[in-house]
Protein backbone atom coordinates (compact mmCIF):
# COMPACT_ATOMS: atom_id res chain seq x y z
CA MET A 1 0.00 0.00 0.00
CA VAL A 2 3.00 2.30 0.48
CA SER A 3 3.37 2.62 -3.29
CA VAL A 4 0.13 4.60 -3.57
CA PHE A 5 1.78 7.50 -1.69
CA SER A 6 4.16 10.05 -3.21
CA SER A 7 7.57 10.72 -1.68
CA ARG A 8 6.34 13.96 -0.10
CA GLN A 9 3.42 12.12 1.45
CA ARG A 10 5.69 9.38 2.73
CA ASN A 11 7.66 12.16 4.44
CA ALA A 12 4.41 13.41 5.95
CA ILE A 13 3.56 9.90 7.17
CA ARG A 14 7.03 9.63 8.69
CA LEU A 15 6.27 12.89 10.49
CA ALA A 16 3.14 11.31 12.00
CA VAL A 17 5.15 8.23 12.99
CA ARG A 18 7.70 10.50 14.70
CA PHE A 19 4.95 12.00 16.84
CA ILE A 20 3.53 8.56 17.68
CA ALA A 21 6.97 7.13 18.64
CA PRO A 22 7.07 8.55 22.22
CA TYR A 23 3.93 6.55 23.01
CA ARG A 24 5.32 3.22 21.84
CA TRP A 25 3.94 1.27 24.82
CA GLN A 26 0.42 2.56 24.29
CA SER A 27 0.84 1.88 20.57
CA LEU A 28 2.03 -1.68 21.24
CA GLY A 29 -0.92 -2.20 23.58
CA ALA A 30 -3.32 -0.93 20.92
CA LEU A 31 -1.66 -3.12 18.27
CA LEU A 32 -1.87 -6.17 20.54
CA ALA A 33 -5.55 -5.49 21.24
CA LEU A 34 -6.11 -5.02 17.51
CA ILE A 35 -4.44 -8.36 16.69
CA VAL A 36 -6.38 -10.15 19.44
CA THR A 37 -9.74 -8.76 18.31
CA ALA A 38 -8.98 -9.59 14.67
CA GLY A 39 -7.95 -13.10 15.70
CA ILE A 40 -11.10 -13.59 17.78
CA THR A 41 -13.31 -12.33 14.93
CA LEU A 42 -11.65 -14.79 12.57
CA SER A 43 -11.97 -17.58 15.18
CA MET A 44 -15.72 -17.10 15.15
CA GLY A 45 -15.77 -18.80 11.77
CA GLN A 46 -14.52 -21.97 13.43
CA GLY A 47 -17.13 -21.45 16.14
CA ILE A 48 -19.83 -21.31 13.47
CA ARG A 49 -18.45 -24.47 11.85
CA LEU A 50 -18.54 -26.34 15.19
CA LEU A 51 -22.01 -24.98 15.91
CA VAL A 52 -23.37 -26.30 12.61
CA ASP A 53 -21.46 -29.60 12.38
CA GLN A 54 -21.40 -30.61 16.08
CA GLY A 55 -24.50 -28.83 17.33
CA PHE A 56 -27.20 -28.62 14.70
CA MET A 57 -26.21 -31.58 12.50
CA THR A 58 -25.58 -34.06 15.38
CA GLN A 59 -28.70 -32.91 17.25
CA SER A 60 -26.71 -33.37 20.49
CA PRO A 61 -27.62 -30.91 23.32
CA GLN A 62 -24.22 -31.47 24.99
CA LEU A 63 -22.26 -30.64 21.83
CA LEU A 64 -24.55 -27.69 21.15
CA ASN A 65 -23.94 -26.38 24.70
CA ARG A 66 -20.17 -26.67 24.30
CA SER A 67 -20.32 -24.94 20.93
CA ILE A 68 -22.45 -22.10 22.36
CA GLU A 69 -20.09 -21.76 25.36
CA PHE A 70 -17.11 -21.52 23.02
CA PHE A 71 -18.94 -18.93 20.90
CA LEU A 72 -19.91 -16.81 23.96
CA LEU A 73 -16.32 -16.97 25.25
CA LEU A 74 -15.16 -15.52 21.94
CA VAL A 75 -17.78 -12.76 22.24
CA VAL A 76 -16.55 -11.77 25.73
CA GLY A 77 -12.92 -11.77 24.55
CA LEU A 78 -13.89 -9.65 21.53
CA ALA A 79 -15.71 -7.12 23.75
CA VAL A 80 -12.75 -6.75 26.14
CA GLY A 81 -10.24 -6.48 23.29
CA THR A 82 -12.40 -3.94 21.45
CA PHE A 83 -12.63 -1.77 24.60
CA ALA A 84 -8.84 -1.79 25.00
CA ARG A 85 -8.25 -1.12 21.30
CA PHE A 86 -10.78 1.73 21.08
CA TYR A 87 -9.56 3.45 24.26
CA LEU A 88 -5.86 3.20 23.46
CA VAL A 89 -6.19 4.19 19.80
CA SER A 90 -8.44 7.16 20.62
CA TRP A 91 -6.06 8.24 23.41
CA ILE A 92 -3.08 8.09 21.04
CA GLY A 93 -4.98 10.13 18.43
CA GLU A 94 -5.86 12.91 20.89
CA ARG A 95 -2.40 12.89 22.50
CA VAL A 96 -0.51 13.01 19.21
CA VAL A 97 -2.64 15.82 17.79
CA ALA A 98 -2.17 17.86 20.98
CA ASP A 99 1.60 17.38 20.59
CA ILE A 100 1.47 18.34 16.90
CA ARG A 101 -0.52 21.49 17.65
CA LYS A 102 1.91 22.52 20.39
CA GLN A 103 4.97 21.92 18.22
CA VAL A 104 3.48 23.74 15.21
CA PHE A 105 2.44 26.71 17.37
CA ASN A 106 5.84 26.81 19.10
CA HIS A 107 7.48 26.86 15.66
CA LEU A 108 5.14 29.50 14.23
CA ILE A 109 5.48 31.84 17.21
CA ASN A 110 9.24 32.01 16.61
CA LEU A 111 9.13 32.50 12.83
CA HIS A 112 10.34 35.88 11.61
CA PRO A 113 7.59 38.38 10.65
CA GLY A 114 8.66 38.21 7.00
CA PHE A 115 7.16 34.71 6.84
CA TYR A 116 3.71 36.19 7.46
CA GLU A 117 4.08 38.67 4.61
CA ASN A 118 3.78 35.78 2.14
CA ASN A 119 1.45 33.49 4.12
CA ARG A 120 -2.06 34.36 5.28
CA SER A 121 -2.32 33.94 9.04
CA SER A 122 -5.93 32.75 8.66
CA GLU A 123 -4.82 29.92 6.37
CA ILE A 124 -2.12 28.96 8.86
CA GLN A 125 -4.80 28.93 11.55
CA SER A 126 -6.86 26.55 9.39
CA ARG A 127 -3.90 24.19 9.10
CA LEU A 128 -3.41 24.29 12.85
CA THR A 129 -7.08 23.47 13.55
CA ALA A 130 -8.83 21.75 10.63
CA ASP A 131 -5.86 19.71 9.40
CA THR A 132 -4.89 18.54 12.87
CA THR A 133 -8.53 17.61 13.58
CA LEU A 134 -8.49 15.45 10.47
CA LEU A 135 -5.24 13.84 11.63
CA GLN A 136 -6.83 13.14 15.02
CA SER A 137 -9.73 11.39 13.30
CA VAL A 138 -7.39 9.28 11.20
CA ILE A 139 -4.86 8.39 13.91
CA GLY A 140 -7.59 7.82 16.48
CA SER A 141 -9.92 5.82 14.23
CA SER A 142 -9.21 5.33 10.54
CA LEU A 143 -5.66 4.04 10.96
CA SER A 144 -6.88 1.46 13.47
CA MET A 145 -9.65 0.44 11.05
CA PHE A 146 -7.12 0.16 8.23
CA LEU A 147 -4.77 -2.10 10.20
CA ARG A 148 -7.62 -4.20 11.60
CA ASN A 149 -9.20 -4.78 8.22
CA LEU A 150 -5.83 -5.47 6.63
CA LEU A 151 -5.30 -8.20 9.24
CA MET A 152 -8.82 -9.47 8.59
CA VAL A 153 -8.14 -9.72 4.85
CA ILE A 154 -4.82 -11.54 5.32
CA GLY A 155 -6.11 -13.83 8.10
CA GLY A 156 -9.40 -14.43 6.29
CA ILE A 157 -7.66 -15.53 3.09
CA VAL A 158 -5.36 -17.88 5.07
CA LEU A 159 -8.38 -19.44 6.81
CA LEU A 160 -10.25 -19.66 3.51
CA PHE A 161 -7.42 -21.77 2.11
CA PHE A 162 -7.42 -23.83 5.29
CA THR A 163 -11.19 -24.38 5.05
CA ASN A 164 -11.51 -25.04 1.31
CA PRO A 165 -8.73 -24.37 -1.24
CA LYS A 166 -11.05 -24.88 -4.23
CA LEU A 167 -13.52 -22.18 -3.18
CA THR A 168 -10.69 -19.89 -2.11
CA SER A 169 -9.35 -19.82 -5.66
CA ILE A 170 -12.53 -17.96 -6.70
CA VAL A 171 -11.86 -15.27 -4.10
CA VAL A 172 -8.17 -15.03 -5.01
CA VAL A 173 -9.01 -14.53 -8.69
CA ALA A 174 -11.26 -11.62 -7.71
CA LEU A 175 -8.57 -9.92 -5.56
CA PRO A 176 -6.59 -8.27 -8.41
CA LEU A 177 -9.89 -6.94 -9.76
CA VAL A 178 -10.48 -5.27 -6.38
CA VAL A 179 -6.94 -3.98 -5.84
CA ALA A 180 -6.70 -2.38 -9.30
CA PRO A 181 -9.50 0.19 -8.77
CA ILE A 182 -8.15 0.96 -5.29
CA LEU A 183 -4.79 1.93 -6.80
CA ILE A 184 -6.29 3.80 -9.78
CA PHE A 185 -8.91 5.75 -7.87
CA GLY A 186 -6.61 6.13 -4.86
CA ARG A 187 -4.23 8.35 -6.84
CA ARG A 188 -7.11 10.59 -7.94
CA VAL A 189 -8.50 10.77 -4.41
CA ARG A 190 -5.05 11.72 -3.07
CA SER A 191 -4.64 14.76 -5.32
CA LEU A 192 -8.24 15.85 -4.79
CA SER A 193 -7.87 15.43 -1.01
CA ARG A 194 -4.97 17.90 -0.89
CA LEU A 195 -6.87 20.32 -3.11
CA SER A 196 -9.97 19.93 -0.94
CA GLN A 197 -7.99 20.82 2.21
CA ASP A 198 -6.65 23.93 0.44
CA ARG A 199 -10.18 25.01 -0.51
CA ILE A 200 -11.37 24.49 3.07
CA ALA A 201 -8.47 26.66 4.25
CA ASP A 202 -9.56 29.36 1.77
CA VAL A 203 -13.06 29.32 3.28
CA GLY A 204 -11.68 29.67 6.81
CA SER A 205 -9.30 32.44 5.74
CA TYR A 206 -12.06 34.48 4.14
CA VAL A 207 -14.31 34.15 7.19
CA ALA A 208 -11.50 35.21 9.56
CA GLU A 209 -10.63 38.19 7.37
CA ALA A 210 -14.20 39.45 6.93
CA LEU A 211 -15.27 39.00 10.55
CA GLY A 212 -11.98 40.39 11.86
CA GLN A 213 -12.70 43.64 9.99
CA ILE A 214 -16.47 43.62 10.54
CA LYS A 215 -16.71 47.35 11.31
CA THR A 216 -15.02 48.27 8.04
CA VAL A 217 -17.18 45.77 6.13
CA GLN A 218 -20.38 47.27 7.52
CA ALA A 219 -19.20 50.90 7.38
CA TYR A 220 -18.73 50.57 3.61
CA ASN A 221 -21.91 48.48 3.13
CA HIS A 222 -19.73 45.78 1.67
CA GLN A 223 -21.83 42.88 2.98
CA GLN A 224 -23.37 41.98 -0.38
CA GLN A 225 -20.02 41.82 -2.18
CA ASP A 226 -18.55 39.77 0.67
CA LYS A 227 -21.52 37.39 0.53
CA GLN A 228 -20.96 36.91 -3.20
CA ARG A 229 -17.20 36.40 -2.84
CA PHE A 230 -17.66 33.99 0.04
CA ALA A 231 -20.28 32.09 -1.97
CA VAL A 232 -17.74 31.64 -4.78
CA THR A 233 -15.12 30.42 -2.29
CA ALA A 234 -17.59 28.03 -0.64
CA GLU A 235 -18.76 26.69 -4.02
CA GLU A 236 -15.17 26.06 -5.10
CA ALA A 237 -14.64 24.07 -1.91
CA PHE A 238 -17.86 22.14 -2.56
CA ASP A 239 -16.95 21.43 -6.18
CA THR A 240 -13.56 20.02 -5.18
CA ALA A 241 -15.18 17.94 -2.43
CA ARG A 242 -17.81 16.70 -4.90
CA LYS A 243 -15.11 15.44 -7.27
CA ARG A 244 -13.33 13.70 -4.38
CA ILE A 245 -16.58 12.12 -3.18
CA LEU A 246 -17.42 10.97 -6.71
CA GLN A 247 -14.06 9.18 -7.02
CA ARG A 248 -14.51 7.53 -3.63
CA SER A 249 -18.09 6.53 -4.49
CA TRP A 250 -16.93 4.81 -7.68
CA LEU A 251 -14.20 3.08 -5.72
CA ILE A 252 -16.60 1.75 -3.06
CA THR A 253 -19.19 0.70 -5.65
CA LEU A 254 -16.67 -1.28 -7.69
CA VAL A 255 -15.32 -3.00 -4.60
CA ILE A 256 -18.81 -4.03 -3.46
CA VAL A 257 -19.80 -5.38 -6.89
CA LEU A 258 -16.57 -7.31 -7.36
CA VAL A 259 -16.29 -8.71 -3.84
CA LEU A 260 -19.92 -9.68 -3.34
CA GLY A 261 -20.08 -10.96 -6.92
CA ALA A 262 -17.18 -13.28 -6.10
CA VAL A 263 -18.99 -14.34 -2.90
CA GLY A 264 -22.12 -15.14 -4.94
CA VAL A 265 -20.16 -17.33 -7.36
CA MET A 266 -18.44 -19.00 -4.40
CA LEU A 267 -21.79 -19.72 -2.73
CA TRP A 268 -23.09 -21.39 -5.90
CA VAL A 269 -20.00 -23.60 -6.21
CA GLY A 270 -20.00 -24.37 -2.46
CA GLY A 271 -23.71 -25.14 -2.46
CA MET A 272 -23.22 -27.64 -5.30
CA ASP A 273 -20.39 -29.29 -3.28
CA VAL A 274 -22.61 -29.59 -0.17
CA ILE A 275 -25.38 -31.15 -2.25
CA ALA A 276 -22.84 -33.59 -3.73
CA GLY A 277 -21.50 -34.39 -0.24
CA ARG A 278 -17.98 -33.19 -0.98
CA ILE A 279 -17.98 -30.69 1.98
CA SER A 280 -20.05 -30.37 5.15
CA GLY A 281 -22.61 -27.67 5.87
CA GLY A 282 -20.37 -26.35 8.68
CA GLU A 283 -17.45 -25.92 6.29
CA LEU A 284 -19.63 -23.97 3.88
CA ALA A 285 -21.03 -21.82 6.71
CA ALA A 286 -17.49 -21.07 7.94
CA PHE A 287 -16.36 -20.35 4.39
CA VAL A 288 -19.29 -17.97 3.82
CA PHE A 289 -18.43 -16.23 7.11
CA TYR A 290 -14.77 -15.80 6.10
CA SER A 291 -15.75 -14.67 2.62
CA LEU A 292 -18.03 -12.00 4.06
CA ILE A 293 -15.30 -10.98 6.51
CA VAL A 294 -12.78 -10.63 3.66
CA GLY A 295 -15.32 -8.87 1.43
CA SER A 296 -16.45 -6.38 4.09
CA ALA A 297 -12.82 -5.80 5.14
CA PHE A 298 -11.89 -4.99 1.54
CA GLY A 299 -14.87 -2.64 1.29
CA THR A 300 -13.81 -0.89 4.49
CA LEU A 301 -10.21 -0.69 3.26
CA SER A 302 -11.34 1.08 0.11
CA GLU A 303 -13.15 3.67 2.24
CA VAL A 304 -10.39 4.06 4.82
CA ILE A 305 -7.73 4.51 2.12
CA GLY A 306 -9.61 7.64 1.05
CA GLU A 307 -9.40 8.93 4.63
CA LEU A 308 -5.71 8.05 4.78
CA GLN A 309 -5.17 9.96 1.54
CA ARG A 310 -6.84 13.02 3.07
CA ALA A 311 -4.73 12.60 6.20
CA ALA A 312 -1.58 12.36 4.08
CA GLY A 313 -2.53 15.69 2.49
CA ALA A 314 -3.19 17.24 5.92
CA ALA A 315 0.08 15.88 7.32
CA GLU A 316 1.89 17.23 4.28
CA ARG A 317 0.47 20.73 4.89
CA ILE A 318 1.44 20.58 8.57
CA ALA A 319 4.91 19.29 7.67
CA GLU A 320 5.34 22.33 5.40
CA LEU A 321 4.69 24.61 8.38
CA LEU A 322 7.11 22.72 10.62
CA GLN A 323 9.79 22.82 7.93
CA ALA A 324 9.37 26.56 7.25
CA PRO A 325 12.74 28.06 8.23
CA SER A 326 13.08 31.16 10.37
CA GLU A 327 15.54 33.66 8.96
CA ILE A 328 16.10 35.23 12.38
CA GLU A 329 17.95 32.79 14.62
CA PRO A 330 20.73 32.96 17.22
CA PRO A 331 24.13 32.42 15.55
CA ALA A 332 25.32 28.82 15.46
CA SER A 333 28.75 29.95 16.66
CA ASP A 334 30.32 33.07 18.20
CA LEU A 335 27.18 33.85 20.22
CA LEU A 336 27.62 37.06 22.20
CA HIS A 337 25.78 38.09 25.37
CA LEU A 338 24.60 41.51 26.48
CA PRO A 339 25.17 42.65 30.07
CA GLU A 340 22.26 42.28 32.49
CA ARG A 341 21.44 46.00 32.16
CA VAL A 342 22.58 47.79 29.03
CA SER A 343 23.21 51.53 28.93
CA GLY A 344 21.17 52.01 25.76
CA ARG A 345 23.90 52.87 23.24
CA LEU A 346 22.81 52.14 19.64
CA THR A 347 24.84 52.37 16.44
CA LEU A 348 23.73 51.92 12.82
CA GLU A 349 26.57 51.57 10.30
CA ASP A 350 25.76 52.03 6.59
CA VAL A 351 22.54 50.01 6.90
CA SER A 352 20.58 49.18 3.75
CA PHE A 353 17.43 47.07 3.72
CA ALA A 354 14.64 46.05 1.33
CA TYR A 355 11.57 44.06 2.38
CA PRO A 356 11.50 40.51 0.95
CA SER A 357 8.16 41.25 -0.76
CA ARG A 358 9.63 44.40 -2.39
CA PRO A 359 13.28 43.56 -3.10
CA GLU A 360 13.60 46.08 -5.92
CA ARG A 361 13.27 49.10 -3.59
CA ASN A 362 15.34 49.84 -0.49
CA ALA A 363 13.26 50.96 2.49
CA ILE A 364 16.51 51.97 4.26
CA ASN A 365 19.48 53.12 2.21
CA GLY A 366 23.03 53.69 3.51
CA PHE A 367 21.81 54.73 6.98
CA SER A 368 24.45 55.56 9.63
CA LEU A 369 23.69 57.03 13.06
CA SER A 370 24.90 56.75 16.67
CA ILE A 371 22.54 57.21 19.62
CA GLU A 372 24.01 57.85 23.07
CA PRO A 373 22.75 56.27 26.32
CA GLY A 374 19.80 58.17 27.79
CA GLU A 375 19.38 60.32 24.65
CA THR A 376 15.96 61.15 23.23
CA LEU A 377 16.12 61.01 19.44
CA ALA A 378 13.13 61.94 17.29
CA LEU A 379 12.70 60.47 13.80
CA VAL A 380 10.74 62.69 11.41
CA GLY A 381 10.04 62.63 7.71
CA PRO A 382 7.28 62.01 5.19
CA SER A 383 5.14 58.87 5.30
CA GLY A 384 7.04 55.94 3.79
CA ALA A 385 10.42 57.46 4.60
CA GLY A 386 11.49 54.33 6.52
CA LYS A 387 11.03 55.41 10.15
CA SER A 388 9.02 52.35 11.30
CA THR A 389 11.33 50.10 9.28
CA LEU A 390 14.20 51.26 11.50
CA PHE A 391 12.27 49.97 14.52
CA ASP A 392 11.77 46.62 12.76
CA LEU A 393 15.52 46.39 12.17
CA LEU A 394 16.42 47.38 15.74
CA LEU A 395 14.14 44.67 17.08
CA ARG A 396 15.63 42.31 14.50
CA PHE A 397 12.36 41.36 12.89
CA TYR A 398 14.47 41.55 9.72
CA ASP A 399 18.21 41.64 9.01
CA PRO A 400 19.62 44.35 6.73
CA GLN A 401 21.11 43.26 3.41
CA THR A 402 24.21 45.41 4.05
CA GLY A 403 25.67 47.23 7.02
CA ARG A 404 25.20 46.35 10.67
CA ILE A 405 23.42 47.45 13.83
CA LEU A 406 25.12 47.41 17.23
CA VAL A 407 23.74 47.48 20.78
CA GLU A 408 26.38 48.25 23.41
CA GLY A 409 28.93 47.83 20.63
CA LEU A 410 27.82 44.26 19.87
CA PRO A 411 26.41 43.33 16.40
CA ILE A 412 22.80 42.26 16.92
CA THR A 413 23.20 39.41 14.40
CA GLN A 414 25.56 37.76 16.92
CA LEU A 415 22.99 38.01 19.73
CA ASP A 416 20.14 35.74 20.67
CA PRO A 417 16.97 37.62 19.56
CA LEU A 418 15.48 37.00 23.03
CA ASP A 419 18.55 38.61 24.65
CA LEU A 420 18.30 41.58 22.26
CA ARG A 421 14.56 42.25 22.59
CA ARG A 422 14.56 42.26 26.39
CA CYS A 423 16.37 45.60 26.06
CA PHE A 424 13.43 47.24 24.26
CA ALA A 425 9.93 48.41 25.18
CA MET A 426 7.65 49.62 22.41
CA VAL A 427 4.52 51.76 22.30
CA SER A 428 2.99 51.83 18.84
CA GLN A 429 0.36 54.02 17.21
CA THR A 430 -2.16 51.20 17.41
CA PRO A 431 -1.08 49.20 20.47
CA ALA A 432 -1.80 45.48 20.43
CA LEU A 433 -4.06 44.41 23.27
CA PHE A 434 -5.03 40.78 23.71
CA PHE A 435 -8.15 38.91 24.76
CA GLY A 436 -7.86 38.72 28.54
CA SER A 437 -8.04 40.93 31.61
CA VAL A 438 -6.69 44.47 31.90
CA GLU A 439 -4.16 43.20 34.43
CA GLU A 440 -2.93 40.45 32.06
CA ASN A 441 -2.45 43.00 29.28
CA ILE A 442 -0.38 45.34 31.47
CA ARG A 443 1.64 42.39 32.78
CA TYR A 444 2.19 41.07 29.23
CA GLY A 445 5.91 41.89 29.08
CA ASN A 446 6.61 41.08 32.75
CA PRO A 447 4.50 38.10 33.90
CA ASP A 448 6.17 38.05 37.33
CA ALA A 449 5.21 41.62 38.24
CA THR A 450 3.24 42.03 41.48
CA ASP A 451 -0.23 43.58 41.66
CA GLU A 452 1.33 46.64 43.33
CA HIS A 453 3.75 47.11 40.44
CA VAL A 454 0.92 46.74 37.91
CA GLN A 455 -1.13 49.42 39.63
CA ALA A 456 1.87 51.69 40.07
CA ALA A 457 2.58 51.51 36.32
CA ALA A 458 -1.09 52.21 35.57
CA ARG A 459 -1.03 55.29 37.84
CA ILE A 460 2.05 56.72 36.14
CA ALA A 461 0.39 56.09 32.75
CA HIS A 462 -2.79 57.88 33.96
CA ALA A 463 -4.73 54.68 33.39
CA HIS A 464 -5.58 53.75 37.01
CA GLU A 465 -8.66 55.99 37.21
CA PHE A 466 -10.45 54.68 34.14
CA ILE A 467 -9.53 51.08 35.00
CA LEU A 468 -11.23 51.40 38.41
CA GLN A 469 -14.37 52.67 36.65
CA MET A 470 -14.60 49.45 34.62
CA PRO A 471 -17.03 46.72 35.82
CA GLU A 472 -14.39 44.50 37.42
CA GLY A 473 -11.48 46.91 37.63
CA TYR A 474 -8.15 45.28 36.76
CA GLN A 475 -9.89 41.91 36.28
CA THR A 476 -12.20 43.27 33.55
CA HIS A 477 -11.86 41.20 30.39
CA LEU A 478 -11.16 43.01 27.15
CA GLY A 479 -12.41 41.96 23.74
CA ASP A 480 -10.10 41.12 20.85
CA GLY A 481 -7.66 43.98 20.27
CA GLY A 482 -9.01 45.90 23.27
CA LEU A 483 -12.45 46.21 21.69
CA GLY A 484 -14.59 48.59 23.77
CA LEU A 485 -11.75 50.89 24.82
CA SER A 486 -11.05 54.29 23.33
CA GLY A 487 -7.82 54.98 21.50
CA GLY A 488 -6.48 56.97 24.44
CA GLN A 489 -7.31 54.23 26.93
CA ARG A 490 -5.59 51.59 24.79
CA GLN A 491 -2.57 53.84 24.47
CA ARG A 492 -2.33 54.41 28.22
CA LEU A 493 -2.52 50.66 28.85
CA ALA A 494 0.32 50.22 26.36
CA ILE A 495 2.39 52.83 28.20
CA ALA A 496 1.70 51.06 31.52
CA ARG A 497 2.85 47.81 29.92
CA ALA A 498 6.06 49.46 28.67
CA LEU A 499 6.69 50.95 32.12
CA LEU A 500 6.33 47.55 33.74
CA VAL A 501 8.88 46.00 31.35
CA ASP A 502 11.42 48.60 32.56
CA ALA A 503 13.58 48.20 29.44
CA PRO A 504 16.55 50.57 28.92
CA ILE A 505 15.58 51.45 25.33
CA LEU A 506 12.14 52.84 24.51
CA LEU A 507 10.59 52.92 21.03
CA LEU A 508 7.62 55.26 20.58
CA ASP A 509 5.92 54.91 17.18
CA GLU A 510 3.38 57.70 16.66
CA ALA A 511 2.25 57.22 20.26
CA THR A 512 -0.15 60.21 20.26
CA SER A 513 -0.93 60.98 16.61
CA ALA A 514 -4.42 59.40 16.51
CA LEU A 515 -5.69 60.78 19.83
CA ASP A 516 -7.97 63.60 20.82
CA ALA A 517 -6.53 66.60 22.65
CA GLN A 518 -7.47 65.41 26.15
CA SER A 519 -6.07 61.90 25.63
CA GLU A 520 -2.93 63.33 24.08
CA HIS A 521 -2.52 65.67 27.06
CA LEU A 522 -2.77 62.76 29.52
CA ILE A 523 -0.29 60.68 27.54
CA GLN A 524 2.11 63.60 27.19
CA GLN A 525 2.02 63.81 30.98
CA ALA A 526 2.81 60.09 31.25
CA LEU A 527 5.64 60.02 28.72
CA PRO A 528 8.30 61.89 30.76
CA SER A 529 8.08 59.24 33.50
CA LEU A 530 8.35 56.54 30.86
CA MET A 531 11.32 58.15 29.10
CA LYS A 532 13.29 59.08 32.23
CA GLY A 533 16.70 57.40 32.30
CA ARG A 534 16.07 55.55 29.04
CA THR A 535 17.37 55.85 25.51
CA THR A 536 14.25 56.87 23.60
CA LEU A 537 13.53 56.84 19.88
CA VAL A 538 10.37 58.71 18.93
CA ILE A 539 8.60 58.59 15.59
CA ALA A 540 6.26 61.56 15.23
CA HIS A 541 4.55 63.43 12.45
CA ARG A 542 3.50 66.18 14.87
CA LEU A 543 6.70 68.21 15.23
CA ALA A 544 5.28 69.99 18.27
CA THR A 545 5.64 66.76 20.23
CA VAL A 546 9.37 66.40 19.49
CA GLN A 547 10.68 69.97 19.70
CA ASN A 548 12.28 69.22 23.04
CA ALA A 549 14.08 66.05 21.90
CA ASP A 550 17.85 66.03 22.39
CA ARG A 551 18.27 65.51 18.64
CA ILE A 552 15.99 65.15 15.64
CA ALA A 553 16.90 62.90 12.69
CA VAL A 554 15.29 63.82 9.37
CA ILE A 555 14.70 60.82 7.07
CA ASP A 556 13.54 60.81 3.47
CA GLN A 557 13.29 57.80 1.12
CA GLY A 558 15.24 55.64 3.55
CA ARG A 559 18.17 58.04 3.84
CA LEU A 560 19.31 60.11 6.81
CA ILE A 561 19.52 63.64 5.43
CA ALA A 562 20.03 65.74 8.57
CA VAL A 563 20.49 65.52 12.35
CA GLY A 564 20.19 68.38 14.83
CA THR A 565 17.96 70.25 17.23
CA HIS A 566 14.63 71.76 16.22
CA HIS A 567 16.08 75.25 15.76
CA GLN A 568 19.18 74.00 13.95
CA LEU A 569 17.12 72.01 11.46
CA ILE A 570 14.70 74.85 10.74
CA ALA A 571 17.71 76.94 9.82
CA SER A 572 19.65 74.31 7.90
CA ASN A 573 17.32 71.68 6.42
CA PRO A 574 14.72 72.64 3.78
CA LEU A 575 12.60 69.47 4.24
CA TYR A 576 12.31 69.93 8.01
CA ALA A 577 11.70 73.67 7.62
CA ARG A 578 8.90 72.94 5.11
CA LEU A 579 7.28 70.35 7.41
CA ALA A 580 7.53 72.76 10.35
CA ALA A 581 6.08 75.64 8.35
CA LEU A 582 3.13 73.52 7.18
CA GLN A 583 2.32 72.27 10.67
CA PHE A 584 2.91 75.40 12.73
CA ASN A 585 1.21 77.71 10.24
CA ALA A 586 -1.77 75.36 10.12
CA HIS A 587 -1.82 75.33 13.91
CA GLN A 588 -1.76 79.17 14.10
CA GLU A 589 -4.58 79.41 11.55
CA ALA A 590 -6.61 76.91 13.56
CA VAL A 591 -6.07 78.98 16.74
CA VAL A 592 -7.10 82.20 14.95
């Protein structure tokens, strides 16, 4: 049966075997129970033969009683073995899938952000849920059925020969006719199974995308278009599934016709032999039983192979995720370590970088700059100048194509990313809040912080008052992304979180640009406490918020074009002077 699988699918099956290997004793127990139950089922044929020949035909109550006792003993053994087999196999299926999900998630959570530029997170989520659920079904049920019925076919054919070689030849002649369609249709089912899983993933991805942006969908009255697009996606999934089902239906139908047709011919020949006295009625009854066992086992195999094909496709998709390499890893050799508390010195030396999805255009081009410990440096420039990209490079979400970045004089490519990122705290324009309590969100970067520290950080961030007004205070659960909070409240929670991390380098990415005047005033009050004693890099479009920075770096098209104070740059840099004139003149007109 291995030949029906491609090399990639054999790799996927080996992956499943690798996950099953730690539970070898449970697997051996399940295999033993499976062999015992298959053996008992096959032994029932001999019980039927004894029942007919020594019970019914002899008309002896004693022989009938012994035959019935033997038959009931087999039934009890079958029940006990089936219980053990079902429990162990189901346990292995659930255990293995839990392990697969944990390993896939642990791998995904460490992959560099560039991986998610080219892969939809909703499709990855589908692989982690739908594909692993299918694997659980196969490992916990279908695989057991496959092995059991394979044993039944092999054992049944052996016992058929033992019972009556002449009649067995009829069954054996029919076997190639049954195997051929399994191989032919199996290949078609395999390719359609993989395609079907992809279409299911498309459906899940579209749902996640539309519902995740439900406010935008409804604000633009886009429901009808989304319904139509989803209908197309769902119909494509159905059409692929229909083709797969059609192939499996043909496969099952052919197997039934061929197997039961062979049984019918065998019954006619056997019946003629019983009439002629060449075999006993018990032998024919046992032979019929074994023939039906072999026939039904073959029918089940043809169905289960379809499930195994689907599982091979699912395992292949999961294997692809596990094999996806992360481009941001600790160095294999010459690993350096930062001191426990860094001063905050940063250096960028001739850094150039282009995003993998846009390799033809540099987002950062020949950028060199040194930032002193405790300095507040503002980054200003037009949208798309490369300011946020610098933060991505400092946090080593990406590595530059040329040049290098140093923290405390150490190249960050020679540091463990975990060691590097503990030095940074970030407050973004749209802070990420997670489903959970307010307290859990503030404690996100420092899980060991005490309740007193959490509340102290919230007070400094001017968040304590509004938190206490919430239904359950710090234990209030937030919706996805902090749904239900205002922009200013989310921002103050993000500042509290950054305070609690107590990192020596602070990255502020448009921390106040989207806020109303009152929220901005509260956050501007909180920022000095946050920035005190820390190296701070501030991205801001509002120049009024960065006038008091120690230095201002002007960036345009990925290049550093000027560095200085606010007054120096107004006098010496045309781009900064133009931006300042536009903003401050607009502000004066608004006041007038």
